[in-house]
Amino acid sequence: MAQNINSPAGQTNTAGTSGNDGSDSAVASMEAAFDRAIAKAAQVTERRMEGGSSLDAARTRLSN
């Protein structure tokens, strides 16, 4: 059976419902994923900065 992609009634989102509810939930899901990624990137940056400071201090001690 062929799906008519020109008919709005024939189109569904990933949740299986028509309308804006599915797209709103998809946008909310993507925003949550981006928020988690940003938080994780901040943690990685913080740990790299801490590790870099320790490494710089060790290099300074060795050169003195």
C-alpha atoms as a PDB file:
ATOM      1  CA  MET A   1       0.000   0.000   0.000  1.00  0.00           C
ATOM      2  CA  ALA A   2       1.474   3.341  -1.035  1.00  0.00           C
ATOM      3  CA  GLN A   3       1.513   6.221   1.429  1.00  0.00           C
ATOM      4  CA  ASN A   4       0.315   9.581   0.177  1.00  0.00           C
ATOM      5  CA  ILE A   5       2.945  12.021   1.438  1.00  0.00           C
ATOM      6  CA  ASN A   6       0.975  15.020   0.128  1.00  0.00           C
ATOM      7  CA  SER A   7      -1.887  14.410   2.529  1.00  0.00           C
ATOM      8  CA  PRO A   8      -1.371  15.930   6.014  1.00  0.00           C
ATOM      9  CA  ALA A   9      -3.653  13.285   7.496  1.00  0.00           C
ATOM     10  CA  GLY A  10      -1.347  10.576   6.185  1.00  0.00           C
ATOM     11  CA  GLN A  11       1.723  12.003   7.856  1.00  0.00           C
ATOM     12  CA  THR A  12       2.674  10.920  11.343  1.00  0.00           C
ATOM     13  CA  ASN A  13       5.606  11.720  13.567  1.00  0.00           C
ATOM     14  CA  THR A  14       7.848   9.279  15.412  1.00  0.00           C
ATOM     15  CA  ALA A  15       5.327   8.944  18.235  1.00  0.00           C
ATOM     16  CA  GLY A  16       2.680   7.789  15.751  1.00  0.00           C
ATOM     17  CA  THR A  17       0.347  10.753  16.183  1.00  0.00           C
ATOM     18  CA  SER A  18      -0.560  13.571  13.866  1.00  0.00           C
ATOM     19  CA  GLY A  19      -0.152  17.214  14.741  1.00  0.00           C
ATOM     20  CA  ASN A  20       2.162  19.354  16.778  1.00  0.00           C
ATOM     21  CA  ASP A  21       2.256  17.183  19.913  1.00  0.00           C
ATOM     22  CA  GLY A  22       4.779  14.815  18.375  1.00  0.00           C
ATOM     23  CA  SER A  23       7.004  17.563  17.017  1.00  0.00           C
ATOM     24  CA  ASP A  24       6.880  19.418  20.336  1.00  0.00           C
ATOM     25  CA  SER A  25       7.971  16.304  22.194  1.00  0.00           C
ATOM     26  CA  ALA A  26      10.703  15.661  19.622  1.00  0.00           C
ATOM     27  CA  VAL A  27      12.023  19.212  20.077  1.00  0.00           C
ATOM     28  CA  ALA A  28      11.895  18.817  23.871  1.00  0.00           C
ATOM     29  CA  SER A  29      13.780  15.530  23.587  1.00  0.00           C
ATOM     30  CA  MET A  30      16.474  17.120  21.409  1.00  0.00           C
ATOM     31  CA  GLU A  31      16.789  20.075  23.793  1.00  0.00           C
ATOM     32  CA  ALA A  32      17.259  17.680  26.705  1.00  0.00           C
ATOM     33  CA  ALA A  33      19.913  15.776  24.766  1.00  0.00           C
ATOM     34  CA  PHE A  34      21.763  19.001  23.942  1.00  0.00           C
ATOM     35  CA  ASP A  35      21.563  20.129  27.567  1.00  0.00           C
ATOM     36  CA  ARG A  36      23.108  16.817  28.680  1.00  0.00           C
ATOM     37  CA  ALA A  37      25.839  17.132  26.049  1.00  0.00           C
ATOM     38  CA  ILE A  38      26.650  20.701  27.118  1.00  0.00           C
ATOM     39  CA  ALA A  39      26.839  19.663  30.776  1.00  0.00           C
ATOM     40  CA  LYS A  40      29.108  16.726  29.894  1.00  0.00           C
ATOM     41  CA  ALA A  41      31.374  18.968  27.799  1.00  0.00           C
ATOM     42  CA  ALA A  42      31.646  21.388  30.728  1.00  0.00           C
ATOM     43  CA  GLN A  43      32.683  18.517  33.022  1.00  0.00           C
ATOM     44  CA  VAL A  44      35.311  17.335  30.544  1.00  0.00           C
ATOM     45  CA  THR A  45      36.668  20.867  30.155  1.00  0.00           C
ATOM     46  CA  GLU A  46      36.826  21.322  33.925  1.00  0.00           C
ATOM     47  CA  ARG A  47      38.739  18.062  34.375  1.00  0.00           C
ATOM     48  CA  ARG A  48      41.139  18.924  31.566  1.00  0.00           C
ATOM     49  CA  MET A  49      41.785  22.319  33.140  1.00  0.00           C
ATOM     50  CA  GLU A  50      42.496  20.685  36.524  1.00  0.00           C
ATOM     51  CA  GLY A  51      44.791  18.126  34.920  1.00  0.00           C
ATOM     52  CA  GLY A  52      46.524  20.812  32.896  1.00  0.00           C
ATOM     53  CA  SER A  53      47.161  22.906  36.007  1.00  0.00           C
ATOM     54  CA  SER A  54      48.751  19.943  37.763  1.00  0.00           C
ATOM     55  CA  LEU A  55      50.882  19.206  34.721  1.00  0.00           C
ATOM     56  CA  ASP A  56      51.999  22.848  34.464  1.00  0.00           C
ATOM     57  CA  ALA A  57      52.921  22.879  38.155  1.00  0.00           C
ATOM     58  CA  ALA A  58      54.934  19.683  37.747  1.00  0.00           C
ATOM     59  CA  ARG A  59      56.769  21.097  34.741  1.00  0.00           C
ATOM     60  CA  THR A  60      57.594  24.270  36.688  1.00  0.00           C
ATOM     61  CA  ARG A  61      58.978  22.234  39.604  1.00  0.00           C
ATOM     62  CA  LEU A  62      61.126  20.173  37.241  1.00  0.00           C
ATOM     63  CA  SER A  63      62.586  23.204  35.497  1.00  0.00           C
ATOM     64  CA  ASN A  64      63.578  24.970  38.726  1.00  0.00           C
END
